[in-house]
PDB file of all heavy atoms in Angstrom:
ATOM      1  N   PRO A   1     312.370-142.809 -86.436  1.00  0.00           N
ATOM      2  CA  PRO A   1     313.070-142.444 -85.197  1.00  0.00           C
ATOM      3  C   PRO A   1     312.713-141.025 -84.755  1.00  0.00           C
ATOM      4  O   PRO A   1     312.584-140.119 -85.580  1.00  0.00           O
ATOM      5  CB  PRO A   1     314.549-142.543 -85.593  1.00  0.00           C
ATOM      6  CG  PRO A   1     314.579-143.488 -86.748  1.00  0.00           C
ATOM      7  CD  PRO A   1     313.298-143.245 -87.500  1.00  0.00           C
ATOM      8  N   VAL A   2     312.518-140.859 -83.462  1.00  0.00           N
ATOM      9  CA  VAL A   2     312.198-139.558 -82.877  1.00  0.00           C
ATOM     10  C   VAL A   2     313.277-139.242 -81.844  1.00  0.00           C
ATOM     11  O   VAL A   2     313.509-140.032 -80.927  1.00  0.00           O
ATOM     12  CB  VAL A   2     310.806-139.558 -82.209  1.00  0.00           C
ATOM     13  CG1 VAL A   2     310.515-138.191 -81.585  1.00  0.00           C
ATOM     14  CG2 VAL A   2     309.728-139.918 -83.227  1.00  0.00           C
ATOM     15  N   GLU A   3     313.926-138.119 -82.018  1.00  0.00           N
ATOM     16  CA  GLU A   3     315.020-137.758 -81.123  1.00  0.00           C
ATOM     17  C   GLU A   3     314.522-137.651 -79.683  1.00  0.00           C
ATOM     18  O   GLU A   3     313.504-137.016 -79.398  1.00  0.00           O
ATOM     19  CB  GLU A   3     315.638-136.422 -81.564  1.00  0.00           C
ATOM     20  CG  GLU A   3     316.873-136.033 -80.775  1.00  0.00           C
ATOM     21  CD  GLU A   3     317.507-134.757 -81.294  1.00  0.00           C
ATOM     22  OE1 GLU A   3     317.019-134.224 -82.311  1.00  0.00           O
ATOM     23  OE2 GLU A   3     318.492-134.293 -80.685  1.00  0.00           O
ATOM     24  N   GLY A   4     315.258-138.275 -78.794  1.00  0.00           N
ATOM     25  CA  GLY A   4     314.906-138.221 -77.375  1.00  0.00           C
ATOM     26  C   GLY A   4     313.936-139.292 -76.925  1.00  0.00           C
ATOM     27  O   GLY A   4     313.522-139.300 -75.759  1.00  0.00           O
ATOM     28  N   TRP A   5     313.594-140.236 -77.826  1.00  0.00           N
ATOM     29  CA  TRP A   5     312.624-141.272 -77.497  1.00  0.00           C
ATOM     30  C   TRP A   5     313.126-142.647 -77.934  1.00  0.00           C
ATOM     31  O   TRP A   5     313.684-142.803 -79.019  1.00  0.00           O
ATOM     32  CB  TRP A   5     311.287-140.997 -78.169  1.00  0.00           C
ATOM     33  CG  TRP A   5     310.611-139.751 -77.677  1.00  0.00           C
ATOM     34  CD1 TRP A   5     310.905-138.464 -78.018  1.00  0.00           C
ATOM     35  CD2 TRP A   5     309.555-139.676 -76.721  1.00  0.00           C
ATOM     36  NE1 TRP A   5     310.100-137.584 -77.354  1.00  0.00           N
ATOM     37  CE2 TRP A   5     309.245-138.293 -76.542  1.00  0.00           C
ATOM     38  CE3 TRP A   5     308.816-140.628 -76.000  1.00  0.00           C
ATOM     39  CZ2 TRP A   5     308.247-137.851 -75.682  1.00  0.00           C
ATOM     40  CZ3 TRP A   5     307.812-140.185 -75.145  1.00  0.00           C
ATOM     41  CH2 TRP A   5     307.546-138.823 -74.996  1.00  0.00           C
ATOM     42  N   ASP A   6     312.919-143.658 -77.078  1.00  0.00           N
ATOM     43  CA  ASP A   6     313.154-145.051 -77.440  1.00  0.00           C
ATOM     44  C   ASP A   6     311.872-145.616 -78.031  1.00  0.00           C
ATOM     45  O   ASP A   6     310.763-145.251 -77.599  1.00  0.00           O
ATOM     46  CB  ASP A   6     313.556-145.879 -76.213  1.00  0.00           C
ATOM     47  CG  ASP A   6     314.985-145.590 -75.761  1.00  0.00           C
ATOM     48  OD1 ASP A   6     315.829-145.324 -76.641  1.00  0.00           O
ATOM     49  OD2 ASP A   6     315.243-145.628 -74.540  1.00  0.00           O
ATOM     50  N   ILE A   7     312.027-146.515 -79.010  1.00  0.00           N
ATOM     51  CA  ILE A   7     310.856-147.093 -79.679  1.00  0.00           C
ATOM     52  C   ILE A   7     310.899-148.610 -79.563  1.00  0.00           C
ATOM     53  O   ILE A   7     311.927-149.241 -79.855  1.00  0.00           O
ATOM     54  CB  ILE A   7     310.814-146.694 -81.165  1.00  0.00           C
ATOM     55  CG1 ILE A   7     310.821-145.168 -81.309  1.00  0.00           C
ATOM     56  CG2 ILE A   7     309.572-147.275 -81.835  1.00  0.00           C
ATOM     57  CD1 ILE A   7     310.907-144.690 -82.734  1.00  0.00           C
ATOM     58  N   LYS A   8     309.785-149.193 -79.153  1.00  0.00           N
ATOM     59  CA  LYS A   8     309.661-150.642 -79.082  1.00  0.00           C
ATOM     60  C   LYS A   8     308.487-151.090 -79.941  1.00  0.00           C
ATOM     61  O   LYS A   8     307.375-150.573 -79.799  1.00  0.00           O
ATOM     62  CB  LYS A   8     309.439-151.098 -77.634  1.00  0.00           C
ATOM     63  CG  LYS A   8     309.285-152.614 -77.491  1.00  0.00           C
ATOM     64  CD  LYS A   8     309.011-152.999 -76.048  1.00  0.00           C
ATOM     65  CE  LYS A   8     308.803-154.509 -75.919  1.00  0.00           C
ATOM     66  NZ  LYS A   8     308.497-154.907 -74.525  1.00  0.00           N
ATOM     67  N   VAL A   9     308.749-152.033 -80.837  1.00  0.00           N
ATOM     68  CA  VAL A   9     307.707-152.567 -81.716  1.00  0.00           C
ATOM     69  C   VAL A   9     307.355-153.977 -81.268  1.00  0.00           C
ATOM     70  O   VAL A   9     308.239-154.835 -81.165  1.00  0.00           O
ATOM     71  CB  VAL A   9     308.180-152.568 -83.184  1.00  0.00           C
ATOM     72  CG1 VAL A   9     307.114-153.181 -84.087  1.00  0.00           C
ATOM     73  CG2 VAL A   9     308.508-151.152 -83.647  1.00  0.00           C
ATOM     74  N   THR A  10     306.083-154.214 -80.994  1.00  0.00           N
ATOM     75  CA  THR A  10     305.618-155.523 -80.536  1.00  0.00           C
ATOM     76  C   THR A  10     304.825-156.209 -81.638  1.00  0.00           C
ATOM     77  O   THR A  10     303.888-155.614 -82.193  1.00  0.00           O
ATOM     78  CB  THR A  10     304.732-155.384 -79.284  1.00  0.00           C
ATOM     79  OG1 THR A  10     305.471-154.716 -78.258  1.00  0.00           O
ATOM     80  CG2 THR A  10     304.290-156.746 -78.781  1.00  0.00           C
ATOM     81  N   LYS A  11     305.200-157.449 -81.946  1.00  0.00           N
ATOM     82  CA  LYS A  11     304.488-158.232 -82.958  1.00  0.00           C
ATOM     83  C   LYS A  11     303.776-159.404 -82.302  1.00  0.00           C
ATOM     84  O   LYS A  11     304.217-159.932 -81.286  1.00  0.00           O
ATOM     85  CB  LYS A  11     305.460-158.753 -84.019  1.00  0.00           C
ATOM     86  CG  LYS A  11     306.062-157.677 -84.904  1.00  0.00           C
ATOM     87  CD  LYS A  11     306.928-158.290 -85.991  1.00  0.00           C
ATOM     88  CE  LYS A  11     307.493-157.237 -86.919  1.00  0.00           C
ATOM     89  NZ  LYS A  11     308.303-157.828 -88.007  1.00  0.00           N
ATOM     90  N   SER A  12     302.676-159.816 -82.912  1.00  0.00           N
ATOM     91  CA  SER A  12     301.909-160.960 -82.425  1.00  0.00           C
ATOM     92  C   SER A  12     301.500-161.834 -83.597  1.00  0.00           C
ATOM     93  O   SER A  12     301.363-161.352 -84.731  1.00  0.00           O
ATOM     94  CB  SER A  12     300.667-160.502 -81.654  1.00  0.00           C
ATOM     95  OG  SER A  12     301.028-159.707 -80.539  1.00  0.00           O
ATOM     96  N   ARG A  13     301.307-163.126 -83.301  1.00  0.00           N
ATOM     97  CA  ARG A  13     300.893-164.056 -84.347  1.00  0.00           C
ATOM     98  C   ARG A  13     299.422-163.829 -84.689  1.00  0.00           C
ATOM     99  O   ARG A  13     298.596-163.599 -83.805  1.00  0.00           O
ATOM    100  CB  ARG A  13     301.113-165.498 -83.893  1.00  0.00           C
ATOM    101  CG  ARG A  13     300.884-166.539 -85.005  1.00  0.00           C
ATOM    102  CD  ARG A  13     301.411-167.880 -84.567  1.00  0.00           C
ATOM    103  NE  ARG A  13     302.862-167.840 -84.424  1.00  0.00           N
ATOM    104  CZ  ARG A  13     303.732-167.983 -85.431  1.00  0.00           C
ATOM    105  NH1 ARG A  13     303.280-168.147 -86.668  1.00  0.00           N
ATOM    106  NH2 ARG A  13     305.020-167.945 -85.211  1.00  0.00           N
ATOM    107  N   LEU A  14     299.122-163.886 -85.979  1.00  0.00           N
ATOM    108  CA  LEU A  14     297.760-163.642 -86.452  1.00  0.00           C
ATOM    109  C   LEU A  14     296.934-164.925 -86.422  1.00  0.00           C
ATOM    110  O   LEU A  14     297.449-166.015 -86.696  1.00  0.00           O
ATOM    111  CB  LEU A  14     297.785-163.092 -87.879  1.00  0.00           C
ATOM    112  CG  LEU A  14     298.512-161.755 -88.085  1.00  0.00           C
ATOM    113  CD1 LEU A  14     298.574-161.418 -89.569  1.00  0.00           C
ATOM    114  CD2 LEU A  14     297.816-160.638 -87.317  1.00  0.00           C
ATOM    115  N   ALA A  15     295.655-164.774 -86.105  1.00  0.00           N
ATOM    116  CA  ALA A  15     294.754-165.925 -86.130  1.00  0.00           C
ATOM    117  C   ALA A  15     294.575-166.418 -87.565  1.00  0.00           C
ATOM    118  O   ALA A  15     294.519-167.627 -87.820  1.00  0.00           O
ATOM    119  CB  ALA A  15     293.405-165.545 -85.526  1.00  0.00           C
ATOM    120  N   GLU A  16     294.510-165.455 -88.503  1.00  0.00           N
ATOM    121  CA  GLU A  16     294.413-165.793 -89.919  1.00  0.00           C
ATOM    122  C   GLU A  16     295.525-165.065 -90.673  1.00  0.00           C
ATOM    123  O   GLU A  16     295.583-163.833 -90.631  1.00  0.00           O
ATOM    124  CB  GLU A  16     293.049-165.393 -90.488  1.00  0.00           C
ATOM    125  CG  GLU A  16     291.883-166.126 -89.871  1.00  0.00           C
ATOM    126  CD  GLU A  16     290.562-165.729 -90.492  1.00  0.00           C
ATOM    127  OE1 GLU A  16     290.596-164.961 -91.484  1.00  0.00           O
ATOM    128  OE2 GLU A  16     289.509-166.180 -90.001  1.00  0.00           O
ATOM    129  N   PRO A  17     296.414-165.792 -91.330  1.00  0.00           N
ATOM    130  CA  PRO A  17     297.533-165.159 -92.041  1.00  0.00           C
ATOM    131  C   PRO A  17     297.058-164.192 -93.125  1.00  0.00           C
ATOM    132  O   PRO A  17     295.994-164.374 -93.723  1.00  0.00           O
ATOM    133  CB  PRO A  17     298.283-166.351 -92.667  1.00  0.00           C
ATOM    134  CG  PRO A  17     297.874-167.531 -91.836  1.00  0.00           C
ATOM    135  CD  PRO A  17     296.454-167.257 -91.420  1.00  0.00           C
ATOM    136  N   LEU A  18     297.865-163.161 -93.351  1.00  0.00           N
ATOM    137  CA  LEU A  18     297.595-162.214 -94.429  1.00  0.00           C
ATOM    138  C   LEU A  18     298.350-162.649 -95.676  1.00  0.00           C
ATOM    139  O   LEU A  18     299.431-163.239 -95.590  1.00  0.00           O
ATOM    140  CB  LEU A  18     298.052-160.812 -94.033  1.00  0.00           C
ATOM    141  CG  LEU A  18     297.325-160.116 -92.874  1.00  0.00           C
ATOM    142  CD1 LEU A  18     298.026-158.801 -92.561  1.00  0.00           C
ATOM    143  CD2 LEU A  18     295.872-159.864 -93.232  1.00  0.00           C
ATOM    144  N   GLU A  19     297.785-162.334 -96.843  1.00  0.00           N
ATOM    145  CA  GLU A  19     298.488-162.584 -98.105  1.00  0.00           C
ATOM    146  C   GLU A  19     298.805-161.239 -98.740  1.00  0.00           C
ATOM    147  O   GLU A  19     297.912-160.486 -99.107  1.00  0.00           O
ATOM    148  CB  GLU A  19     297.650-163.433 -99.048  1.00  0.00           C
ATOM    149  CG  GLU A  19     298.421-163.836-100.307  1.00  0.00           C
ATOM    150  CD  GLU A  19     297.697-164.897-101.120  1.00  0.00           C
ATOM    151  OE1 GLU A  19     296.806-165.562-100.575  1.00  0.00           O
ATOM    152  OE2 GLU A  19     298.046-165.045-102.315  1.00  0.00           O
ATOM    153  N   VAL A  20     300.107-160.931 -98.841  1.00  0.00           N
ATOM    154  CA  VAL A  20     300.572-159.657 -99.378  1.00  0.00           C
ATOM    155  C   VAL A  20     301.584-159.925-100.483  1.00  0.00           C
ATOM    156  O   VAL A  20     302.602-160.566-100.253  1.00  0.00           O
ATOM    157  CB  VAL A  20     301.210-158.775 -98.282  1.00  0.00           C
ATOM    158  CG1 VAL A  20     301.661-157.445 -98.862  1.00  0.00           C
ATOM    159  CG2 VAL A  20     300.229-158.549 -97.136  1.00  0.00           C
ATOM    160  N   HIS A  21     301.280-159.436-101.700  1.00  0.00           N
ATOM    161  CA  HIS A  21     302.163-159.628-102.853  1.00  0.00           C
ATOM    162  C   HIS A  21     302.498-161.110-103.060  1.00  0.00           C
ATOM    163  O   HIS A  21     303.636-161.479-103.349  1.00  0.00           O
ATOM    164  CB  HIS A  21     303.450-158.826-102.689  1.00  0.00           C
ATOM    165  CG  HIS A  21     303.216-157.360-102.484  1.00  0.00           C
ATOM    166  ND1 HIS A  21     302.469-156.582-103.351  1.00  0.00           N
ATOM    167  CD2 HIS A  21     303.626-156.515-101.495  1.00  0.00           C
ATOM    168  CE1 HIS A  21     302.430-155.338-102.925  1.00  0.00           C
ATOM    169  NE2 HIS A  21     303.110-155.272-101.796  1.00  0.00           N
ATOM    170  N   GLY A  22     301.502-161.962-102.858  1.00  0.00           N
ATOM    171  CA  GLY A  22     301.694-163.381-103.090  1.00  0.00           C
ATOM    172  C   GLY A  22     302.367-164.130-101.957  1.00  0.00           C
ATOM    173  O   GLY A  22     302.594-165.339-102.060  1.00  0.00           O
ATOM    174  N   LYS A  23     302.675-163.455-100.861  1.00  0.00           N
ATOM    175  CA  LYS A  23     303.326-164.105 -99.724  1.00  0.00           C
ATOM    176  C   LYS A  23     302.395-164.091 -98.519  1.00  0.00           C
ATOM    177  O   LYS A  23     301.683-163.126 -98.284  1.00  0.00           O
ATOM    178  CB  LYS A  23     304.630-163.391 -99.375  1.00  0.00           C
ATOM    179  CG  LYS A  23     305.683-163.446-100.476  1.00  0.00           C
ATOM    180  CD  LYS A  23     306.958-162.732-100.031  1.00  0.00           C
ATOM    181  CE  LYS A  23     308.020-162.785-101.120  1.00  0.00           C
ATOM    182  NZ  LYS A  23     309.256-162.086-100.709  1.00  0.00           N
ATOM    183  N   LYS A  24     302.437-165.170 -97.741  1.00  0.00           N
ATOM    184  CA  LYS A  24     301.613-165.252 -96.544  1.00  0.00           C
ATOM    185  C   LYS A  24     302.387-164.727 -95.336  1.00  0.00           C
ATOM    186  O   LYS A  24     303.535-165.090 -95.120  1.00  0.00           O
ATOM    187  CB  LYS A  24     301.161-166.697 -96.314  1.00  0.00           C
ATOM    188  CG  LYS A  24     300.085-167.150 -97.292  1.00  0.00           C
ATOM    189  CD  LYS A  24     299.516-168.495 -96.894  1.00  0.00           C
ATOM    190  CE  LYS A  24     298.362-168.877 -97.821  1.00  0.00           C
ATOM    191  NZ  LYS A  24     297.759-170.187 -97.423  1.00  0.00           N
ATOM    192  N   ILE A  25     301.731-163.860 -94.558  1.00  0.00           N
ATOM    193  CA  ILE A  25     302.330-163.279 -93.361  1.00  0.00           C
ATOM    194  C   ILE A  25     301.514-163.738 -92.160  1.00  0.00           C
ATOM    195  O   ILE A  25     300.303-163.528 -92.108  1.00  0.00           O
ATOM    196  CB  ILE A  25     302.343-161.745 -93.441  1.00  0.00           C
ATOM    197  CG1 ILE A  25     303.189-161.296 -94.640  1.00  0.00           C
ATOM    198  CG2 ILE A  25     302.869-161.131 -92.158  1.00  0.00           C
ATOM    199  CD1 ILE A  25     303.169-159.807 -94.873  1.00  0.00           C
ATOM    200  N   ASP A  26     302.188-164.402 -91.198  1.00  0.00           N
ATOM    201  CA  ASP A  26     301.460-164.956 -90.063  1.00  0.00           C
ATOM    202  C   ASP A  26     301.623-164.140 -88.784  1.00  0.00           C
ATOM    203  O   ASP A  26     301.129-164.551 -87.722  1.00  0.00           O
ATOM    204  CB  ASP A  26     301.894-166.400 -89.809  1.00  0.00           C
ATOM    205  CG  ASP A  26     303.391-166.527 -89.559  1.00  0.00           C
ATOM    206  OD1 ASP A  26     304.077-165.484 -89.521  1.00  0.00           O
ATOM    207  OD2 ASP A  26     303.875-167.660 -89.401  1.00  0.00           O
ATOM    208  N   GLU A  27     302.304-162.991 -88.845  1.00  0.00           N
ATOM    209  CA  GLU A  27     302.392-162.114 -87.691  1.00  0.00           C
ATOM    210  C   GLU A  27     302.395-160.652 -88.142  1.00  0.00           C
ATOM    211  O   GLU A  27     302.750-160.346 -89.275  1.00  0.00           O
ATOM    212  CB  GLU A  27     303.639-162.411 -86.851  1.00  0.00           C
ATOM    213  CG  GLU A  27     304.949-162.101 -87.531  1.00  0.00           C
ATOM    214  CD  GLU A  27     306.142-162.308 -86.601  1.00  0.00           C
ATOM    215  OE1 GLU A  27     305.951-162.873 -85.495  1.00  0.00           O
ATOM    216  OE2 GLU A  27     307.252-161.912 -86.972  1.00  0.00           O
ATOM    217  N   ALA A  28     301.963-159.786 -87.237  1.00  0.00           N
ATOM    218  CA  ALA A  28     301.869-158.364 -87.568  1.00  0.00           C
ATOM    219  C   ALA A  28     302.123-157.552 -86.305  1.00  0.00           C
ATOM    220  O   ALA A  28     302.050-158.052 -85.182  1.00  0.00           O
ATOM    221  CB  ALA A  28     300.498-158.032 -88.146  1.00  0.00           C
TER     222      ALA A  28
END
């Protein structure tokens, strides 16, 4: 968080899922 600023995080579906710590992630 930054004082005086709003933050928006945009996620999108991945063409190829990632595997992190044994789990598959299909968006980033």
